[in-house]
Amino acid sequence: MNKNAIIEGVAVPLPIANLDTDQIMPKQFLRGIDKAGLAQGLFYDMRFDEQGKPRRDFALNKPEYAQATIILGGKNFGCGSSREHAVWGLQQAGIRAVVASSFAEIFYSNAMNNGLMLASVSEADMQRLFEAASSSASPLQLRIDVENLQVISSTGSAAFTLSDRHRSMFLHGLDMLGASLLHKPEIEAFAKRWYDTYPWLKNVAAVARNRLDRSSNT
């Protein structure tokens, strides 16, 4: 995962409440055995009509948002099924962050663990950002300061919160494993205390494997 202390770029407004993962990444794009080509499926039924032609009124089809890297989303963004493909599709399309007043819990975990920043701001701040995006003569530029937990625009700043774990992952470019290894001494100390208290558990797997091997050879 790359370091992401600062995330900045054009913000595209999608003020749609309860935008679910099936809308973000429709089911027909989940058939592959890898992550390839998911950008094509992103918001497919919203971006294209029944003939496969782009819908001109959809924000991401507008030329001014062709280089957007941040989405301004409605509340409960990413609800629905746990569909990690939705996160991968957003990233493949160049989206690095989503700012909204709230996110679905599973989507939030999937996104943060894959390096897609989700910044949850107050509803008042979100409304202000939507108004700034709609009234601006040019696309709204946002700067997300991960270290200081601020979403900054020409109209001011909005605070958001992150767990210490997620903040560290973005600041230092760590994935879940890397974040866990930061606590290796504590993990090893816990393991020692555990096995000192329950010594018979230390070799349970090896004992079970030996028993299986012996039984298969008889």
N, C-alpha and C. Protein backbone atom coordinates (compact mmCIF):
# COMPACT_ATOMS: atom_id res chain seq x y z
N MET A 1 0.84 -1.18 0.00
CA MET A 1 0.00 0.00 0.00
C MET A 1 0.88 1.24 0.00
N ASN A 2 0.58 2.23 -0.82
CA ASN A 2 1.36 3.46 -0.89
C ASN A 2 1.04 4.37 0.28
N LYS A 3 2.04 5.20 0.64
CA LYS A 3 1.80 6.19 1.68
C LYS A 3 0.80 7.22 1.17
N ASN A 4 -0.14 7.60 2.01
CA ASN A 4 -1.19 8.53 1.61
C ASN A 4 -1.44 9.55 2.71
N ALA A 5 -0.41 10.33 3.05
CA ALA A 5 -0.59 11.35 4.09
C ALA A 5 -1.47 12.48 3.59
N ILE A 6 -1.37 12.77 2.28
CA ILE A 6 -2.19 13.80 1.65
C ILE A 6 -2.85 13.21 0.41
N ILE A 7 -4.16 13.36 0.31
CA ILE A 7 -4.89 12.93 -0.88
C ILE A 7 -5.60 14.16 -1.43
N GLU A 8 -5.33 14.50 -2.67
CA GLU A 8 -5.96 15.70 -3.22
C GLU A 8 -6.33 15.50 -4.68
N GLY A 9 -7.29 16.30 -5.12
CA GLY A 9 -7.72 16.21 -6.50
C GLY A 9 -9.13 16.73 -6.69
N VAL A 10 -9.65 16.51 -7.89
CA VAL A 10 -11.00 16.94 -8.23
C VAL A 10 -12.02 16.06 -7.52
N ALA A 11 -13.04 16.69 -6.94
CA ALA A 11 -14.10 15.96 -6.24
C ALA A 11 -15.36 15.95 -7.08
N VAL A 12 -15.88 14.75 -7.35
CA VAL A 12 -17.11 14.61 -8.14
C VAL A 12 -18.28 14.38 -7.20
N PRO A 13 -19.36 15.17 -7.30
CA PRO A 13 -20.49 14.99 -6.39
C PRO A 13 -21.45 13.89 -6.85
N LEU A 14 -21.72 12.95 -5.95
CA LEU A 14 -22.74 11.92 -6.17
C LEU A 14 -23.65 11.92 -4.95
N PRO A 15 -24.55 12.90 -4.83
CA PRO A 15 -25.38 13.03 -3.63
C PRO A 15 -26.54 12.04 -3.60
N ILE A 16 -26.19 10.76 -3.55
CA ILE A 16 -27.20 9.69 -3.60
C ILE A 16 -27.14 8.92 -2.28
N ALA A 17 -28.18 9.01 -1.48
CA ALA A 17 -28.20 8.28 -0.21
C ALA A 17 -28.37 6.79 -0.46
N ASN A 18 -27.76 5.99 0.41
CA ASN A 18 -27.89 4.53 0.37
C ASN A 18 -27.43 3.95 -0.97
N LEU A 19 -26.38 4.49 -1.53
CA LEU A 19 -25.80 3.96 -2.76
C LEU A 19 -25.15 2.62 -2.42
N ASP A 20 -25.72 1.52 -2.93
CA ASP A 20 -25.26 0.21 -2.48
C ASP A 20 -24.19 -0.38 -3.39
N THR A 21 -23.60 -1.48 -2.93
CA THR A 21 -22.48 -2.07 -3.66
C THR A 21 -22.90 -2.68 -4.99
N ASP A 22 -24.17 -3.05 -5.13
CA ASP A 22 -24.65 -3.55 -6.42
C ASP A 22 -24.73 -2.42 -7.44
N GLN A 23 -25.02 -1.23 -6.99
CA GLN A 23 -25.01 -0.07 -7.89
C GLN A 23 -23.57 0.35 -8.22
N ILE A 24 -22.70 0.25 -7.23
CA ILE A 24 -21.30 0.60 -7.46
C ILE A 24 -20.64 -0.40 -8.41
N MET A 25 -20.87 -1.70 -8.18
CA MET A 25 -20.29 -2.74 -9.03
C MET A 25 -21.33 -3.84 -9.26
N PRO A 26 -22.10 -3.74 -10.37
CA PRO A 26 -23.15 -4.72 -10.65
C PRO A 26 -22.62 -6.15 -10.73
N LYS A 27 -23.51 -7.09 -10.43
CA LYS A 27 -23.12 -8.49 -10.27
C LYS A 27 -22.48 -9.11 -11.50
N GLN A 28 -22.83 -8.64 -12.71
CA GLN A 28 -22.28 -9.26 -13.92
C GLN A 28 -20.78 -9.03 -14.07
N PHE A 29 -20.24 -8.13 -13.27
CA PHE A 29 -18.80 -7.86 -13.34
C PHE A 29 -18.02 -8.60 -12.25
N LEU A 30 -18.69 -9.53 -11.58
CA LEU A 30 -18.03 -10.28 -10.51
C LEU A 30 -17.59 -11.67 -10.96
N ARG A 31 -17.70 -11.96 -12.24
CA ARG A 31 -17.48 -13.33 -12.72
C ARG A 31 -16.02 -13.69 -12.93
N GLY A 32 -15.16 -12.71 -13.02
CA GLY A 32 -13.75 -13.00 -13.29
C GLY A 32 -13.06 -13.63 -12.10
N ILE A 33 -11.90 -14.21 -12.36
CA ILE A 33 -11.13 -14.85 -11.28
C ILE A 33 -10.02 -13.94 -10.79
N ASP A 34 -9.95 -12.73 -11.33
CA ASP A 34 -8.98 -11.75 -10.86
C ASP A 34 -9.65 -10.38 -10.78
N LYS A 35 -8.86 -9.34 -10.56
CA LYS A 35 -9.41 -7.99 -10.39
C LYS A 35 -9.44 -7.19 -11.69
N ALA A 36 -9.06 -7.81 -12.79
CA ALA A 36 -8.90 -7.06 -14.05
C ALA A 36 -10.23 -6.52 -14.58
N GLY A 37 -10.19 -5.31 -15.12
CA GLY A 37 -11.32 -4.74 -15.85
C GLY A 37 -12.48 -4.25 -15.03
N LEU A 38 -12.30 -4.08 -13.74
CA LEU A 38 -13.44 -3.68 -12.90
C LEU A 38 -13.82 -2.22 -13.07
N ALA A 39 -12.90 -1.39 -13.56
CA ALA A 39 -13.25 0.02 -13.79
C ALA A 39 -14.39 0.14 -14.79
N GLN A 40 -14.45 -0.78 -15.74
CA GLN A 40 -15.51 -0.75 -16.75
C GLN A 40 -16.89 -0.96 -16.11
N GLY A 41 -16.93 -1.75 -15.04
CA GLY A 41 -18.21 -2.03 -14.40
C GLY A 41 -18.67 -1.00 -13.39
N LEU A 42 -17.79 -0.07 -13.04
CA LEU A 42 -18.10 0.89 -11.99
C LEU A 42 -19.33 1.73 -12.34
N PHE A 43 -20.34 1.68 -11.46
CA PHE A 43 -21.60 2.43 -11.65
C PHE A 43 -22.22 2.15 -13.03
N TYR A 44 -22.06 0.95 -13.54
CA TYR A 44 -22.40 0.68 -14.95
C TYR A 44 -23.84 1.07 -15.30
N ASP A 45 -24.79 0.63 -14.49
CA ASP A 45 -26.20 0.90 -14.83
C ASP A 45 -26.56 2.37 -14.65
N MET A 46 -25.74 3.10 -13.95
CA MET A 46 -25.96 4.54 -13.78
C MET A 46 -25.22 5.32 -14.87
N ARG A 47 -24.12 4.78 -15.33
CA ARG A 47 -23.31 5.47 -16.35
C ARG A 47 -23.83 5.26 -17.76
N PHE A 48 -24.47 4.08 -17.99
CA PHE A 48 -24.87 3.73 -19.36
C PHE A 48 -26.35 3.39 -19.42
N ASP A 49 -26.96 3.64 -20.58
CA ASP A 49 -28.37 3.28 -20.77
C ASP A 49 -28.48 1.84 -21.27
N GLU A 50 -29.71 1.43 -21.61
CA GLU A 50 -29.96 0.04 -22.02
C GLU A 50 -29.22 -0.34 -23.30
N GLN A 51 -28.86 0.64 -24.11
CA GLN A 51 -28.11 0.38 -25.35
C GLN A 51 -26.60 0.48 -25.14
N GLY A 52 -26.20 0.70 -23.90
CA GLY A 52 -24.78 0.81 -23.60
C GLY A 52 -24.18 2.16 -23.91
N LYS A 53 -25.02 3.16 -24.13
CA LYS A 53 -24.54 4.51 -24.42
C LYS A 53 -24.42 5.31 -23.12
N PRO A 54 -23.38 6.13 -23.01
CA PRO A 54 -23.19 6.92 -21.78
C PRO A 54 -24.37 7.85 -21.51
N ARG A 55 -24.79 7.89 -20.25
CA ARG A 55 -25.82 8.85 -19.84
C ARG A 55 -25.14 10.20 -19.58
N ARG A 56 -25.52 11.19 -20.35
CA ARG A 56 -24.84 12.48 -20.28
C ARG A 56 -25.01 13.18 -18.94
N ASP A 57 -26.11 12.87 -18.24
CA ASP A 57 -26.37 13.58 -17.00
C ASP A 57 -25.67 12.95 -15.79
N PHE A 58 -25.00 11.81 -15.98
CA PHE A 58 -24.31 11.18 -14.85
C PHE A 58 -22.96 11.88 -14.66
N ALA A 59 -22.68 12.26 -13.42
CA ALA A 59 -21.53 13.13 -13.13
C ALA A 59 -20.21 12.60 -13.69
N LEU A 60 -19.95 11.30 -13.52
CA LEU A 60 -18.66 10.76 -13.95
C LEU A 60 -18.52 10.69 -15.46
N ASN A 61 -19.60 10.92 -16.19
CA ASN A 61 -19.52 10.97 -17.66
C ASN A 61 -19.24 12.37 -18.18
N LYS A 62 -19.24 13.35 -17.29
CA LYS A 62 -19.01 14.74 -17.71
C LYS A 62 -17.51 15.00 -17.84
N PRO A 63 -17.11 15.69 -18.89
CA PRO A 63 -15.68 15.92 -19.14
C PRO A 63 -14.94 16.54 -17.97
N GLU A 64 -15.60 17.44 -17.25
CA GLU A 64 -14.91 18.13 -16.15
C GLU A 64 -14.56 17.21 -14.99
N TYR A 65 -15.19 16.03 -14.96
CA TYR A 65 -14.89 15.08 -13.88
C TYR A 65 -14.12 13.86 -14.37
N ALA A 66 -13.57 13.94 -15.57
CA ALA A 66 -12.85 12.80 -16.14
C ALA A 66 -11.63 12.42 -15.30
N GLN A 67 -11.04 13.40 -14.63
CA GLN A 67 -9.85 13.15 -13.81
C GLN A 67 -10.16 13.16 -12.31
N ALA A 68 -11.41 12.99 -11.95
CA ALA A 68 -11.78 13.03 -10.53
C ALA A 68 -11.10 11.90 -9.76
N THR A 69 -10.60 12.23 -8.58
CA THR A 69 -9.96 11.24 -7.71
C THR A 69 -10.68 11.10 -6.37
N ILE A 70 -11.67 11.97 -6.13
CA ILE A 70 -12.41 11.95 -4.87
C ILE A 70 -13.90 12.01 -5.17
N ILE A 71 -14.68 11.20 -4.47
CA ILE A 71 -16.14 11.22 -4.61
C ILE A 71 -16.75 11.88 -3.38
N LEU A 72 -17.70 12.78 -3.61
CA LEU A 72 -18.55 13.30 -2.54
C LEU A 72 -19.82 12.46 -2.55
N GLY A 73 -20.00 11.61 -1.56
CA GLY A 73 -21.10 10.66 -1.57
C GLY A 73 -22.21 10.99 -0.60
N GLY A 74 -23.37 10.36 -0.82
CA GLY A 74 -24.49 10.51 0.09
C GLY A 74 -24.33 9.64 1.33
N LYS A 75 -25.23 9.82 2.29
CA LYS A 75 -25.12 9.07 3.54
C LYS A 75 -25.31 7.58 3.30
N ASN A 76 -24.71 6.78 4.17
CA ASN A 76 -24.76 5.31 4.11
C ASN A 76 -24.18 4.80 2.79
N PHE A 77 -23.13 5.44 2.34
CA PHE A 77 -22.46 5.05 1.10
C PHE A 77 -21.91 3.63 1.24
N GLY A 78 -22.14 2.81 0.20
CA GLY A 78 -21.58 1.45 0.18
C GLY A 78 -22.38 0.42 0.96
N CYS A 79 -23.67 0.67 1.17
CA CYS A 79 -24.49 -0.32 1.88
C CYS A 79 -24.73 -1.53 0.98
N GLY A 80 -25.38 -2.54 1.52
CA GLY A 80 -25.64 -3.75 0.73
C GLY A 80 -24.66 -4.86 1.08
N SER A 81 -24.41 -5.72 0.12
CA SER A 81 -23.58 -6.89 0.36
C SER A 81 -22.11 -6.52 0.51
N SER A 82 -21.36 -7.43 1.13
CA SER A 82 -19.91 -7.25 1.22
C SER A 82 -19.31 -7.60 -0.13
N ARG A 83 -19.02 -6.61 -0.91
CA ARG A 83 -18.57 -6.82 -2.30
C ARG A 83 -17.28 -6.04 -2.49
N GLU A 84 -16.16 -6.71 -2.21
CA GLU A 84 -14.87 -6.04 -2.28
C GLU A 84 -14.57 -5.52 -3.68
N HIS A 85 -15.21 -6.14 -4.69
CA HIS A 85 -15.04 -5.68 -6.06
C HIS A 85 -15.44 -4.21 -6.22
N ALA A 86 -16.38 -3.74 -5.40
CA ALA A 86 -16.80 -2.34 -5.46
C ALA A 86 -15.63 -1.42 -5.12
N VAL A 87 -14.87 -1.81 -4.12
CA VAL A 87 -13.68 -1.04 -3.73
C VAL A 87 -12.64 -1.09 -4.84
N TRP A 88 -12.38 -2.29 -5.35
CA TRP A 88 -11.36 -2.44 -6.40
C TRP A 88 -11.74 -1.64 -7.65
N GLY A 89 -13.02 -1.65 -8.00
CA GLY A 89 -13.47 -0.90 -9.17
C GLY A 89 -13.26 0.59 -9.01
N LEU A 90 -13.57 1.12 -7.83
CA LEU A 90 -13.34 2.54 -7.56
C LEU A 90 -11.86 2.88 -7.72
N GLN A 91 -11.02 2.04 -7.16
CA GLN A 91 -9.58 2.31 -7.24
C GLN A 91 -9.07 2.21 -8.67
N GLN A 92 -9.54 1.22 -9.42
CA GLN A 92 -9.10 1.09 -10.80
C GLN A 92 -9.54 2.27 -11.66
N ALA A 93 -10.61 2.92 -11.27
CA ALA A 93 -11.09 4.09 -12.00
C ALA A 93 -10.38 5.37 -11.56
N GLY A 94 -9.43 5.25 -10.67
CA GLY A 94 -8.65 6.41 -10.23
C GLY A 94 -9.16 7.10 -8.99
N ILE A 95 -10.18 6.53 -8.35
CA ILE A 95 -10.73 7.13 -7.12
C ILE A 95 -9.83 6.75 -5.95
N ARG A 96 -9.40 7.75 -5.21
CA ARG A 96 -8.51 7.51 -4.07
C ARG A 96 -9.20 7.74 -2.73
N ALA A 97 -10.36 8.40 -2.76
CA ALA A 97 -11.05 8.69 -1.50
C ALA A 97 -12.52 8.96 -1.76
N VAL A 98 -13.33 8.70 -0.73
CA VAL A 98 -14.75 9.05 -0.74
C VAL A 98 -15.02 9.84 0.54
N VAL A 99 -15.70 10.97 0.39
CA VAL A 99 -16.11 11.78 1.53
C VAL A 99 -17.63 11.72 1.62
N ALA A 100 -18.15 11.35 2.78
CA ALA A 100 -19.60 11.24 2.98
C ALA A 100 -19.90 11.43 4.46
N SER A 101 -21.18 11.58 4.77
CA SER A 101 -21.55 11.75 6.18
C SER A 101 -21.59 10.42 6.92
N SER A 102 -21.73 9.31 6.19
CA SER A 102 -21.69 7.99 6.82
C SER A 102 -21.45 6.92 5.77
N PHE A 103 -20.92 5.78 6.23
CA PHE A 103 -20.61 4.65 5.36
C PHE A 103 -21.14 3.36 5.96
N ALA A 104 -21.48 2.41 5.09
CA ALA A 104 -21.84 1.08 5.58
C ALA A 104 -20.61 0.44 6.22
N GLU A 105 -20.81 -0.26 7.31
CA GLU A 105 -19.69 -0.76 8.12
C GLU A 105 -18.78 -1.72 7.35
N ILE A 106 -19.37 -2.68 6.63
CA ILE A 106 -18.55 -3.66 5.91
C ILE A 106 -17.78 -2.99 4.78
N PHE A 107 -18.45 -2.10 4.05
CA PHE A 107 -17.77 -1.38 2.97
C PHE A 107 -16.61 -0.56 3.54
N TYR A 108 -16.83 0.05 4.68
CA TYR A 108 -15.78 0.85 5.31
C TYR A 108 -14.54 0.00 5.57
N SER A 109 -14.74 -1.18 6.14
CA SER A 109 -13.60 -2.06 6.44
C SER A 109 -12.90 -2.50 5.16
N ASN A 110 -13.67 -2.91 4.16
CA ASN A 110 -13.07 -3.34 2.90
C ASN A 110 -12.26 -2.22 2.26
N ALA A 111 -12.82 -1.02 2.27
CA ALA A 111 -12.14 0.12 1.64
C ALA A 111 -10.85 0.47 2.35
N MET A 112 -10.92 0.65 3.65
CA MET A 112 -9.74 1.07 4.39
C MET A 112 -8.63 0.03 4.32
N ASN A 113 -9.00 -1.24 4.36
CA ASN A 113 -7.98 -2.30 4.30
C ASN A 113 -7.35 -2.43 2.93
N ASN A 114 -8.00 -1.87 1.90
CA ASN A 114 -7.45 -1.88 0.55
C ASN A 114 -6.80 -0.56 0.16
N GLY A 115 -6.77 0.39 1.07
CA GLY A 115 -6.11 1.66 0.79
C GLY A 115 -6.98 2.71 0.15
N LEU A 116 -8.31 2.54 0.19
CA LEU A 116 -9.23 3.57 -0.30
C LEU A 116 -9.69 4.38 0.91
N MET A 117 -9.32 5.65 0.95
CA MET A 117 -9.65 6.48 2.10
C MET A 117 -11.14 6.83 2.13
N LEU A 118 -11.77 6.62 3.29
CA LEU A 118 -13.15 7.04 3.51
C LEU A 118 -13.15 8.05 4.65
N ALA A 119 -13.59 9.26 4.36
CA ALA A 119 -13.61 10.32 5.36
C ALA A 119 -15.06 10.65 5.69
N SER A 120 -15.46 10.37 6.92
CA SER A 120 -16.83 10.63 7.35
C SER A 120 -16.89 11.98 8.07
N VAL A 121 -17.60 12.93 7.46
CA VAL A 121 -17.72 14.27 8.03
C VAL A 121 -19.16 14.49 8.49
N SER A 122 -19.40 15.58 9.18
CA SER A 122 -20.76 15.86 9.67
C SER A 122 -21.69 16.14 8.49
N GLU A 123 -22.99 15.97 8.72
CA GLU A 123 -23.96 16.24 7.66
C GLU A 123 -23.92 17.70 7.24
N ALA A 124 -23.68 18.60 8.19
CA ALA A 124 -23.60 20.02 7.86
C ALA A 124 -22.41 20.30 6.94
N ASP A 125 -21.27 19.70 7.27
CA ASP A 125 -20.08 19.87 6.43
C ASP A 125 -20.28 19.24 5.06
N MET A 126 -20.98 18.11 5.03
CA MET A 126 -21.22 17.44 3.75
C MET A 126 -22.11 18.29 2.87
N GLN A 127 -23.13 18.89 3.46
CA GLN A 127 -24.02 19.76 2.69
C GLN A 127 -23.25 20.96 2.14
N ARG A 128 -22.35 21.49 2.95
CA ARG A 128 -21.54 22.62 2.50
C ARG A 128 -20.66 22.23 1.31
N LEU A 129 -20.11 21.01 1.34
CA LEU A 129 -19.27 20.55 0.24
C LEU A 129 -20.08 20.35 -1.03
N PHE A 130 -21.28 19.78 -0.88
CA PHE A 130 -22.15 19.61 -2.06
C PHE A 130 -22.50 20.97 -2.67
N GLU A 131 -22.81 21.94 -1.82
CA GLU A 131 -23.17 23.27 -2.31
C GLU A 131 -21.98 23.93 -3.00
N ALA A 132 -20.79 23.73 -2.45
CA ALA A 132 -19.59 24.30 -3.07
C ALA A 132 -19.34 23.67 -4.43
N ALA A 133 -19.57 22.36 -4.53
CA ALA A 133 -19.35 21.65 -5.79
C ALA A 133 -20.34 22.10 -6.86
N SER A 134 -21.58 22.33 -6.45
CA SER A 134 -22.62 22.69 -7.43
C SER A 134 -22.55 24.16 -7.85
N SER A 135 -22.00 25.01 -6.99
CA SER A 135 -21.98 26.44 -7.30
C SER A 135 -20.67 26.90 -7.93
N SER A 136 -19.66 26.04 -7.89
CA SER A 136 -18.36 26.44 -8.41
C SER A 136 -18.35 26.44 -9.93
N ALA A 137 -17.67 27.43 -10.51
CA ALA A 137 -17.57 27.51 -11.97
C ALA A 137 -16.67 26.42 -12.53
N SER A 138 -15.77 25.93 -11.71
CA SER A 138 -14.88 24.84 -12.11
C SER A 138 -14.99 23.73 -11.07
N PRO A 139 -14.55 22.52 -11.39
CA PRO A 139 -14.67 21.41 -10.45
C PRO A 139 -14.02 21.72 -9.10
N LEU A 140 -14.68 21.29 -8.05
CA LEU A 140 -14.17 21.53 -6.69
C LEU A 140 -12.91 20.71 -6.44
N GLN A 141 -11.89 21.37 -5.93
CA GLN A 141 -10.65 20.71 -5.55
C GLN A 141 -10.68 20.44 -4.04
N LEU A 142 -10.33 19.22 -3.66
CA LEU A 142 -10.27 18.87 -2.24
C LEU A 142 -8.87 18.40 -1.88
N ARG A 143 -8.54 18.62 -0.63
CA ARG A 143 -7.28 18.13 -0.06
C ARG A 143 -7.62 17.42 1.24
N ILE A 144 -7.30 16.14 1.32
CA ILE A 144 -7.57 15.36 2.53
C ILE A 144 -6.26 15.16 3.27
N ASP A 145 -6.17 15.77 4.44
CA ASP A 145 -4.98 15.71 5.27
C ASP A 145 -5.17 14.59 6.29
N VAL A 146 -4.53 13.45 6.03
CA VAL A 146 -4.74 12.28 6.88
C VAL A 146 -4.10 12.47 8.25
N GLU A 147 -2.95 13.13 8.28
CA GLU A 147 -2.26 13.31 9.56
C GLU A 147 -3.08 14.19 10.51
N ASN A 148 -3.66 15.26 9.98
CA ASN A 148 -4.42 16.19 10.82
C ASN A 148 -5.93 15.97 10.75
N LEU A 149 -6.35 14.97 9.99
CA LEU A 149 -7.75 14.55 9.91
C LEU A 149 -8.66 15.71 9.51
N GLN A 150 -8.33 16.31 8.37
CA GLN A 150 -9.10 17.44 7.85
C GLN A 150 -9.37 17.26 6.36
N VAL A 151 -10.60 17.59 5.94
CA VAL A 151 -10.94 17.68 4.52
C VAL A 151 -10.99 19.17 4.20
N ILE A 152 -10.11 19.61 3.31
CA ILE A 152 -9.92 21.04 3.08
C ILE A 152 -10.36 21.41 1.67
N SER A 153 -11.16 22.47 1.58
CA SER A 153 -11.60 23.00 0.28
C SER A 153 -11.50 24.51 0.33
N SER A 154 -11.88 25.15 -0.76
CA SER A 154 -11.83 26.61 -0.83
C SER A 154 -12.82 27.26 0.13
N THR A 155 -13.79 26.49 0.61
CA THR A 155 -14.81 27.04 1.51
C THR A 155 -14.49 26.80 2.98
N GLY A 156 -13.37 26.15 3.27
CA GLY A 156 -13.03 25.86 4.65
C GLY A 156 -12.60 24.42 4.83
N SER A 157 -12.63 23.95 6.06
CA SER A 157 -12.21 22.59 6.36
C SER A 157 -13.26 21.86 7.18
N ALA A 158 -13.22 20.54 7.09
CA ALA A 158 -14.15 19.69 7.83
C ALA A 158 -13.35 18.58 8.50
N ALA A 159 -13.63 18.35 9.77
CA ALA A 159 -12.91 17.33 10.51
C ALA A 159 -13.52 15.95 10.27
N PHE A 160 -12.66 14.93 10.31
CA PHE A 160 -13.14 13.55 10.28
C PHE A 160 -12.29 12.73 11.24
N THR A 161 -12.72 11.53 11.53
CA THR A 161 -12.00 10.69 12.49
C THR A 161 -11.53 9.41 11.81
N LEU A 162 -10.43 8.87 12.34
CA LEU A 162 -9.90 7.58 11.91
C LEU A 162 -9.42 6.84 13.15
N SER A 163 -9.50 5.53 13.12
CA SER A 163 -8.88 4.76 14.20
C SER A 163 -7.36 4.92 14.09
N ASP A 164 -6.66 4.72 15.18
CA ASP A 164 -5.20 4.81 15.15
C ASP A 164 -4.61 3.83 14.15
N ARG A 165 -5.22 2.65 14.06
CA ARG A 165 -4.73 1.61 13.15
C ARG A 165 -4.84 2.08 11.69
N HIS A 166 -6.01 2.56 11.30
CA HIS A 166 -6.20 2.98 9.92
C HIS A 166 -5.36 4.21 9.59
N ARG A 167 -5.25 5.12 10.52
CA ARG A 167 -4.44 6.32 10.29
C ARG A 167 -2.98 5.92 10.06
N SER A 168 -2.48 5.00 10.87
CA SER A 168 -1.10 4.54 10.72
C SER A 168 -0.90 3.83 9.39
N MET A 169 -1.89 3.04 8.96
CA MET A 169 -1.79 2.33 7.68
C MET A 169 -1.62 3.31 6.53
N PHE A 170 -2.39 4.39 6.52
CA PHE A 170 -2.31 5.37 5.43
C PHE A 170 -1.04 6.21 5.51
N LEU A 171 -0.67 6.62 6.71
CA LEU A 171 0.51 7.47 6.85
C LEU A 171 1.79 6.74 6.50
N HIS A 172 1.84 5.44 6.79
CA HIS A 172 3.08 4.68 6.60
C HIS A 172 3.02 3.70 5.43
N GLY A 173 1.89 3.68 4.72
CA GLY A 173 1.78 2.79 3.57
C GLY A 173 1.76 1.32 3.94
N LEU A 174 1.01 0.98 4.97
CA LEU A 174 0.97 -0.39 5.47
C LEU A 174 -0.33 -1.08 5.11
N ASP A 175 -0.24 -2.39 4.80
CA ASP A 175 -1.46 -3.18 4.66
C ASP A 175 -1.80 -3.77 6.03
N MET A 176 -2.80 -4.65 6.08
CA MET A 176 -3.23 -5.20 7.37
C MET A 176 -2.11 -5.95 8.07
N LEU A 177 -1.34 -6.74 7.28
CA LEU A 177 -0.24 -7.51 7.87
C LEU A 177 0.83 -6.57 8.40
N GLY A 178 1.18 -5.57 7.61
CA GLY A 178 2.19 -4.63 8.05
C GLY A 178 1.79 -3.90 9.32
N ALA A 179 0.51 -3.53 9.41
CA ALA A 179 0.02 -2.85 10.60
C ALA A 179 0.09 -3.77 11.82
N SER A 180 -0.20 -5.05 11.61
CA SER A 180 -0.13 -6.01 12.71
C SER A 180 1.31 -6.20 13.18
N LEU A 181 2.26 -6.21 12.23
CA LEU A 181 3.66 -6.43 12.59
C LEU A 181 4.26 -5.27 13.38
N LEU A 182 3.62 -4.11 13.34
CA LEU A 182 4.07 -3.01 14.18
C LEU A 182 3.96 -3.38 15.66
N HIS A 183 3.08 -4.32 15.94
CA HIS A 183 2.84 -4.75 17.32
C HIS A 183 3.44 -6.13 17.60
N LYS A 184 4.46 -6.49 16.82
CA LYS A 184 5.07 -7.82 16.98
C LYS A 184 5.55 -8.09 18.41
N PRO A 185 6.24 -7.15 19.08
CA PRO A 185 6.66 -7.43 20.46
C PRO A 185 5.49 -7.74 21.39
N GLU A 186 4.39 -6.98 21.26
CA GLU A 186 3.23 -7.25 22.11
C GLU A 186 2.60 -8.60 21.78
N ILE A 187 2.57 -8.95 20.49
CA ILE A 187 2.01 -10.24 20.08
C ILE A 187 2.84 -11.38 20.65
N GLU A 188 4.17 -11.24 20.55
CA GLU A 188 5.06 -12.29 21.07
C GLU A 188 4.95 -12.40 22.59
N ALA A 189 4.82 -11.25 23.26
CA ALA A 189 4.69 -11.27 24.72
C ALA A 189 3.39 -11.95 25.13
N PHE A 190 2.30 -11.67 24.39
CA PHE A 190 1.02 -12.32 24.68
C PHE A 190 1.13 -13.83 24.47
N ALA A 191 1.77 -14.23 23.37
CA ALA A 191 1.90 -15.66 23.08
C ALA A 191 2.68 -16.37 24.19
N LYS A 192 3.72 -15.72 24.69
CA LYS A 192 4.51 -16.33 25.77
C LYS A 192 3.67 -16.49 27.03
N ARG A 193 2.93 -15.43 27.40
CA ARG A 193 2.07 -15.53 28.58
C ARG A 193 1.03 -16.62 28.41
N TRP A 194 0.46 -16.72 27.21
CA TRP A 194 -0.59 -17.70 26.93
C TRP A 194 -0.07 -19.12 27.09
N TYR A 195 1.09 -19.39 26.48
CA TYR A 195 1.63 -20.74 26.53
C TYR A 195 2.22 -21.07 27.90
N ASP A 196 2.67 -20.03 28.64
CA ASP A 196 3.12 -20.28 30.01
C ASP A 196 1.94 -20.69 30.88
N THR A 197 0.77 -20.12 30.59
CA THR A 197 -0.44 -20.43 31.36
C THR A 197 -1.07 -21.74 30.91
N TYR A 198 -1.05 -22.00 29.61
CA TYR A 198 -1.66 -23.21 29.04
C TYR A 198 -0.62 -23.95 28.19
N PRO A 199 0.40 -24.53 28.81
CA PRO A 199 1.50 -25.13 28.05
C PRO A 199 1.07 -26.28 27.15
N TRP A 200 -0.02 -26.97 27.50
CA TRP A 200 -0.46 -28.10 26.67
C TRP A 200 -0.99 -27.67 25.30
N LEU A 201 -1.24 -26.38 25.14
CA LEU A 201 -1.75 -25.89 23.85
C LEU A 201 -0.64 -25.63 22.84
N LYS A 202 0.60 -25.55 23.30
CA LYS A 202 1.68 -25.10 22.43
C LYS A 202 1.88 -26.00 21.23
N ASN A 203 1.77 -27.30 21.44
CA ASN A 203 2.05 -28.22 20.34
C ASN A 203 0.82 -29.01 19.91
N VAL A 204 -0.36 -28.43 20.14
CA VAL A 204 -1.59 -29.14 19.80
C VAL A 204 -1.64 -29.51 18.33
N ALA A 205 -1.29 -28.57 17.46
CA ALA A 205 -1.37 -28.83 16.02
C ALA A 205 -0.41 -29.94 15.62
N ALA A 206 0.82 -29.90 16.17
CA ALA A 206 1.81 -30.92 15.82
C ALA A 206 1.38 -32.29 16.32
N VAL A 207 0.83 -32.34 17.54
CA VAL A 207 0.36 -33.62 18.09
C VAL A 207 -0.77 -34.18 17.24
N ALA A 208 -1.72 -33.33 16.89
CA ALA A 208 -2.85 -33.79 16.07
C ALA A 208 -2.37 -34.28 14.71
N ARG A 209 -1.41 -33.58 14.13
CA ARG A 209 -0.89 -33.99 12.82
C ARG A 209 -0.19 -35.34 12.91
N ASN A 210 0.58 -35.54 13.98
CA ASN A 210 1.27 -36.82 14.16
C ASN A 210 0.28 -37.97 14.32
N ARG A 211 -0.79 -37.70 15.05
CA ARG A 211 -1.81 -38.74 15.23
C ARG A 211 -2.47 -39.09 13.90
N LEU A 212 -2.74 -38.08 13.10
CA LEU A 212 -3.34 -38.33 11.78
C LEU A 212 -2.39 -39.12 10.89
N ASP A 213 -1.10 -38.76 10.96
CA ASP A 213 -0.11 -39.47 10.15
C ASP A 213 -0.02 -40.94 10.56
N ARG A 214 -0.04 -41.18 11.88
CA ARG A 214 0.04 -42.57 12.35
C ARG A 214 -1.19 -43.36 11.95
N SER A 215 -2.36 -42.73 12.06
CA SER A 215 -3.59 -43.45 11.72
C SER A 215 -3.66 -43.75 10.23
N SER A 216 -3.12 -42.86 9.40
CA SER A 216 -3.16 -43.09 7.95
C SER A 216 -2.18 -44.16 7.52
N ASN A 217 -1.18 -44.43 8.36
CA ASN A 217 -0.18 -45.44 8.02
C ASN A 217 -0.51 -46.82 8.55
N THR A 218 -1.60 -46.93 9.31
CA THR A 218 -1.97 -48.24 9.86
C THR A 218 -3.02 -48.93 8.99
